[in-house]
Amino acid sequence: MYSSMQKAVLTHNTEQPVTDFLSWFQREYLRRRQKNQSYSLRAFSKYLDISPATVSHLLSGKRVPSAKFATNLLAQLEVSPKEKKIILSSLDKGKSFGDLDTSEQPNYQVIALDSFKLLSDWYHFAILELTSAQDFTFEYPWIAHQLGISVTEARQAVERLLRLELVQEKNGTLVKTQNFVTNGDDVLTSSAHKKLQKHILQKALDAIDTVSGDEKDISSMTMTIDESKIPQAKKLITKFRRDLCKYLENGNQTRVYNLGIQLYPISKGMRNN
């Protein structure tokens, strides 16, 4: 299972007053990226002297820092006393609605952006999942037929997956080296992410006409919302995706599916008036 490639750019204003640690930490990273588009999560982690994995978990809301840890970050990033009080107060309130229970979440291998650029065609992740199918056959014509791609595309994709050590050849077949991988950047969307997002959405559009109703569920909701709840809504969507994946993969794995969830504004909103 690949954690959804549909990673939207955060739309909040970097000058908007912060109300909690997550929004403040995301804002600090986004502010640096807006000044320098090449500024990476790794550079941010190096500046903070903490691991990239920790920074990633903090940005996504998967990890809630202790007050002591947060205090050190606030001091290093020179936060004003007023904001510091607000942020630390939000941590004292404990987990907020929609926080992921990481004790029950699987560990995800994060694909670095430079590697992900090689995998931005949708069928790489489809092949990755196809290896778990009960009738998987490690033959390029078979893979190509299953996914509706050319034999050359199938061969090149497998070679990339092998080179990036996402799969390995074992006993004449392909096996995944990691059960769970993600390419996600929870703050910004690269050109490679955008390319894959477009591919996934196009596959969904094609399914409207080519897939029978009993094999799909394509629906939408239109609603007027409280925009301040968007960060928590994104975490709820992440938890739903992973819970559903766990449910669907627990059984006879016979076919590869895509799950696409789109949450986006269709009106300008009060802050843009």
Protein backbone atom coordinates (compact mmCIF):
# COMPACT_ATOMS: atom_id res chain seq x y z
CA MET A 1 0.00 0.00 0.00
CA TYR A 2 1.32 3.43 -0.79
CA SER A 3 0.23 6.32 1.35
CA SER A 4 -1.73 8.63 -0.88
CA MET A 5 0.21 10.74 -3.34
CA GLN A 6 -2.51 13.37 -3.22
CA LYS A 7 -0.57 15.73 -0.88
CA ALA A 8 -2.02 19.22 -1.07
CA VAL A 9 -0.07 22.42 -0.45
CA LEU A 10 -0.98 24.00 2.86
CA THR A 11 -3.02 27.09 2.09
CA HIS A 12 -2.86 28.89 5.42
CA ASN A 13 -1.24 32.32 5.53
CA THR A 14 2.22 32.22 7.10
CA GLU A 15 1.36 35.40 8.98
CA GLN A 16 -1.81 33.93 10.49
CA PRO A 17 -1.63 33.74 14.33
CA VAL A 18 -0.81 30.24 15.53
CA THR A 19 -3.06 28.38 17.94
CA ASP A 20 -1.16 25.12 18.44
CA PHE A 21 2.21 23.44 17.97
CA LEU A 22 1.34 21.70 14.70
CA SER A 23 0.20 24.82 12.84
CA TRP A 24 3.21 26.76 14.16
CA PHE A 25 5.74 24.08 13.15
CA GLN A 26 4.20 23.68 9.70
CA ARG A 27 4.21 27.46 9.26
CA GLU A 28 7.91 27.69 10.17
CA TYR A 29 8.85 25.08 7.58
CA LEU A 30 6.56 26.57 4.93
CA ARG A 31 8.00 30.05 5.52
CA ARG A 32 11.50 28.76 4.77
CA ARG A 33 10.31 26.93 1.66
CA GLN A 34 8.59 30.05 0.36
CA LYS A 35 11.87 31.95 0.63
CA ASN A 36 13.87 29.13 -0.97
CA GLN A 37 12.04 26.48 -3.01
CA SER A 38 15.06 24.15 -2.76
CA TYR A 39 14.92 24.23 1.03
CA SER A 40 14.34 20.63 2.09
CA LEU A 41 13.00 18.79 5.09
CA ARG A 42 16.52 17.46 5.57
CA ALA A 43 17.90 21.01 5.72
CA PHE A 44 15.25 21.95 8.28
CA SER A 45 16.11 18.91 10.40
CA LYS A 46 19.82 19.73 10.18
CA TYR A 47 19.13 23.28 11.34
CA LEU A 48 17.12 21.97 14.29
CA ASP A 49 19.68 19.22 14.99
CA ILE A 50 17.04 16.48 15.00
CA SER A 51 16.46 13.57 12.63
CA PRO A 52 14.53 14.00 9.35
CA ALA A 53 12.13 11.27 10.52
CA THR A 54 11.32 13.24 13.67
CA VAL A 55 10.73 16.42 11.65
CA SER A 56 8.48 14.49 9.25
CA HIS A 57 6.43 13.06 12.13
CA LEU A 58 6.10 16.49 13.74
CA LEU A 59 5.00 18.12 10.48
CA SER A 60 2.41 15.42 9.82
CA GLY A 61 1.06 15.48 13.38
CA LYS A 62 1.95 11.83 13.92
CA ARG A 63 4.10 12.83 16.87
CA VAL A 64 3.09 15.21 19.64
CA PRO A 65 6.23 16.59 21.33
CA SER A 66 6.75 16.81 25.05
CA ALA A 67 6.68 20.27 26.59
CA LYS A 68 10.44 20.11 27.15
CA PHE A 69 11.17 19.13 23.56
CA ALA A 70 8.82 21.81 22.22
CA THR A 71 10.39 24.42 24.49
CA ASN A 72 13.82 23.69 23.00
CA LEU A 73 12.46 24.06 19.46
CA LEU A 74 10.67 27.30 20.34
CA ALA A 75 13.88 28.72 21.80
CA GLN A 76 15.93 27.68 18.78
CA LEU A 77 13.47 29.29 16.38
CA GLU A 78 13.19 32.42 18.51
CA VAL A 79 9.44 32.40 19.08
CA SER A 80 7.92 35.40 20.83
CA PRO A 81 6.88 34.93 24.49
CA LYS A 82 3.21 35.38 23.53
CA GLU A 83 3.28 32.66 20.88
CA LYS A 84 5.35 30.42 23.11
CA LYS A 85 2.69 30.58 25.80
CA ILE A 86 -0.08 29.73 23.30
CA ILE A 87 1.83 26.82 21.78
CA LEU A 88 2.85 25.25 25.09
CA SER A 89 -0.67 25.68 26.39
CA SER A 90 -2.00 23.69 23.42
CA LEU A 91 0.34 20.83 24.33
CA ASP A 92 -0.91 20.82 27.91
CA LYS A 93 -4.38 20.06 26.63
CA GLY A 94 -3.18 16.68 25.35
CA LYS A 95 -4.23 15.05 22.11
CA SER A 96 -6.74 16.94 20.05
CA PHE A 97 -9.54 15.41 18.02
CA GLY A 98 -8.22 13.62 14.98
CA ASP A 99 -4.69 12.95 16.24
CA LEU A 100 -3.37 9.61 15.07
CA ASP A 101 -2.83 6.89 17.63
CA THR A 102 0.70 6.07 16.52
CA SER A 103 0.87 3.04 18.82
CA GLU A 104 -1.37 1.21 16.36
CA GLN A 105 0.02 2.70 13.15
CA PRO A 106 2.53 0.76 11.02
CA ASN A 107 5.94 2.23 10.34
CA TYR A 108 6.17 3.83 6.91
CA GLN A 109 9.36 4.06 4.91
CA VAL A 110 9.61 7.56 3.48
CA ILE A 111 10.79 7.70 -0.14
CA ALA A 112 13.21 10.58 -0.62
CA LEU A 113 12.14 13.16 -3.19
CA ASP A 114 15.10 12.50 -5.50
CA SER A 115 14.12 8.81 -5.59
CA PHE A 116 10.42 9.54 -5.91
CA LYS A 117 11.05 11.60 -9.04
CA LEU A 118 11.96 8.32 -10.74
CA LEU A 119 8.68 6.71 -9.63
CA SER A 120 6.12 9.39 -10.45
CA ASP A 121 4.40 7.29 -13.13
CA TRP A 122 1.44 5.58 -11.45
CA TYR A 123 2.33 2.04 -12.47
CA HIS A 124 5.46 1.88 -10.27
CA PHE A 125 3.33 1.74 -7.13
CA ALA A 126 0.81 -0.51 -8.85
CA ILE A 127 3.60 -3.01 -9.57
CA LEU A 128 4.80 -2.67 -6.00
CA GLU A 129 1.36 -3.74 -4.80
CA LEU A 130 0.84 -6.30 -7.53
CA THR A 131 3.68 -8.35 -6.03
CA SER A 132 1.36 -9.12 -3.09
CA ALA A 133 -1.36 -10.62 -5.29
CA GLN A 134 -1.87 -14.36 -4.86
CA ASP A 135 -1.42 -15.08 -8.58
CA PHE A 136 1.50 -12.67 -9.14
CA THR A 137 3.76 -13.83 -11.95
CA PHE A 138 7.17 -12.28 -12.39
CA GLU A 139 6.97 -11.99 -16.14
CA TYR A 140 7.00 -8.60 -17.86
CA PRO A 141 4.24 -9.46 -20.38
CA TRP A 142 2.02 -10.64 -17.48
CA ILE A 143 2.63 -7.43 -15.49
CA ALA A 144 2.05 -5.30 -18.59
CA HIS A 145 -1.22 -7.11 -19.34
CA GLN A 146 -2.48 -6.72 -15.76
CA LEU A 147 -1.89 -2.96 -15.72
CA GLY A 148 -2.53 -2.09 -19.35
CA ILE A 149 0.99 -0.78 -19.95
CA SER A 150 3.70 -1.77 -22.41
CA VAL A 151 6.19 -4.54 -21.73
CA THR A 152 8.98 -1.97 -21.95
CA GLU A 153 7.30 0.20 -19.29
CA ALA A 154 6.87 -2.85 -17.07
CA ARG A 155 10.52 -3.85 -17.41
CA GLN A 156 11.87 -0.35 -16.79
CA ALA A 157 9.60 0.15 -13.79
CA VAL A 158 10.71 -3.11 -12.18
CA GLU A 159 14.35 -2.20 -12.78
CA ARG A 160 13.80 1.13 -10.98
CA LEU A 161 12.07 -0.56 -8.06
CA LEU A 162 14.96 -3.02 -7.79
CA ARG A 163 17.56 -0.25 -8.03
CA LEU A 164 15.84 1.73 -5.27
CA GLU A 165 15.58 -1.46 -3.18
CA LEU A 166 11.81 -1.24 -2.85
CA VAL A 167 11.57 -4.80 -4.16
CA GLN A 168 14.00 -7.68 -4.39
CA GLU A 169 14.15 -10.79 -6.52
CA LYS A 170 13.75 -13.89 -4.41
CA ASN A 171 13.16 -17.50 -5.51
CA GLY A 172 12.23 -16.41 -9.02
CA THR A 173 9.69 -13.78 -8.00
CA LEU A 174 9.54 -10.20 -6.71
CA VAL A 175 8.88 -9.35 -3.06
CA LYS A 176 8.52 -5.97 -1.37
CA THR A 177 11.30 -4.96 1.00
CA GLN A 178 8.92 -2.73 2.99
CA ASN A 179 5.25 -3.37 3.71
CA PHE A 180 4.38 0.31 3.98
CA VAL A 181 5.94 3.19 2.07
CA THR A 182 5.00 6.84 1.64
CA ASN A 183 6.27 9.54 -0.66
CA GLY A 184 4.43 12.23 1.24
CA ASP A 185 5.52 15.73 2.01
CA ASP A 186 2.83 17.00 4.35
CA VAL A 187 3.62 20.62 3.64
CA LEU A 188 4.50 21.05 -0.03
CA THR A 189 3.74 19.23 -3.26
CA SER A 190 6.64 18.76 -5.69
CA SER A 191 6.33 18.55 -9.47
CA ALA A 192 6.75 14.77 -9.17
CA HIS A 193 3.86 14.57 -6.68
CA LYS A 194 1.71 16.71 -8.97
CA LYS A 195 2.47 14.40 -11.89
CA LEU A 196 1.38 11.34 -9.93
CA GLN A 197 -1.69 13.11 -8.56
CA LYS A 198 -2.78 13.88 -12.11
CA HIS A 199 -2.23 10.26 -13.13
CA ILE A 200 -4.31 8.97 -10.20
CA LEU A 201 -7.13 11.43 -10.88
CA GLN A 202 -7.12 10.51 -14.57
CA LYS A 203 -7.40 6.83 -13.66
CA ALA A 204 -10.41 7.70 -11.50
CA LEU A 205 -12.00 9.61 -14.42
CA ASP A 206 -11.41 6.61 -16.68
CA ALA A 207 -13.02 4.30 -14.12
CA ILE A 208 -16.26 6.31 -14.30
CA ASP A 209 -16.79 4.95 -17.81
CA THR A 210 -14.90 1.64 -17.76
CA VAL A 211 -15.49 0.05 -14.33
CA SER A 212 -18.83 -1.45 -13.31
CA GLY A 213 -20.71 0.02 -10.35
CA ASP A 214 -20.24 -3.04 -8.13
CA GLU A 215 -16.45 -2.69 -8.42
CA LYS A 216 -16.13 0.99 -7.54
CA ASP A 217 -17.35 3.76 -5.27
CA ILE A 218 -16.94 7.27 -6.63
CA SER A 219 -18.72 9.93 -4.63
CA SER A 220 -18.30 13.44 -3.27
CA MET A 221 -19.63 15.86 -0.67
CA THR A 222 -20.03 19.62 -0.80
CA MET A 223 -20.03 21.41 2.56
CA THR A 224 -19.42 24.73 4.24
CA ILE A 225 -16.65 24.23 6.78
CA ASP A 226 -14.61 25.78 9.59
CA GLU A 227 -11.24 26.26 7.82
CA SER A 228 -9.32 26.09 11.10
CA LYS A 229 -10.20 22.38 11.25
CA ILE A 230 -8.40 21.52 7.99
CA PRO A 231 -5.17 20.27 9.70
CA GLN A 232 -7.20 17.89 11.88
CA ALA A 233 -9.34 16.85 8.90
CA LYS A 234 -6.20 15.85 7.00
CA LYS A 235 -5.11 13.69 9.91
CA LEU A 236 -8.54 12.04 10.04
CA ILE A 237 -8.27 11.30 6.32
CA THR A 238 -4.82 9.77 6.85
CA LYS A 239 -6.14 7.57 9.65
CA PHE A 240 -9.14 6.52 7.55
CA ARG A 241 -6.92 5.59 4.60
CA ARG A 242 -4.64 3.47 6.74
CA ASP A 243 -7.45 1.81 8.68
CA LEU A 244 -9.24 0.95 5.44
CA CYS A 245 -6.04 -0.36 3.91
CA LYS A 246 -5.46 -2.61 6.93
CA TYR A 247 -9.01 -3.95 6.61
CA LEU A 248 -8.87 -4.55 2.84
CA GLU A 249 -5.41 -6.14 2.83
CA ASN A 250 -6.34 -8.62 5.57
CA GLY A 251 -7.56 -11.46 3.34
CA ASN A 252 -7.09 -12.88 -0.13
CA GLN A 253 -5.18 -10.24 -2.07
CA THR A 254 -6.33 -10.70 -5.67
CA ARG A 255 -6.46 -7.26 -7.27
CA VAL A 256 -4.78 -3.85 -7.02
CA TYR A 257 -7.03 -0.87 -6.23
CA ASN A 258 -6.45 2.88 -5.93
CA LEU A 259 -8.13 4.92 -3.20
CA GLY A 260 -8.28 8.62 -3.97
CA ILE A 261 -9.73 11.14 -1.53
CA GLN A 262 -9.89 14.78 -2.59
CA LEU A 263 -10.61 17.60 -0.14
CA TYR A 264 -10.29 21.08 -1.63
CA PRO A 265 -11.98 24.50 -1.58
CA ILE A 266 -14.34 25.58 -4.34
CA SER A 267 -15.11 29.05 -2.95
CA LYS A 268 -12.73 31.90 -2.14
CA GLY A 269 -13.58 32.00 1.56
CA MET A 270 -13.76 34.90 4.00
CA ARG A 271 -10.01 35.34 4.27
CA ASN A 272 -9.78 36.01 0.51
CA ASN A 273 -12.57 38.59 0.39
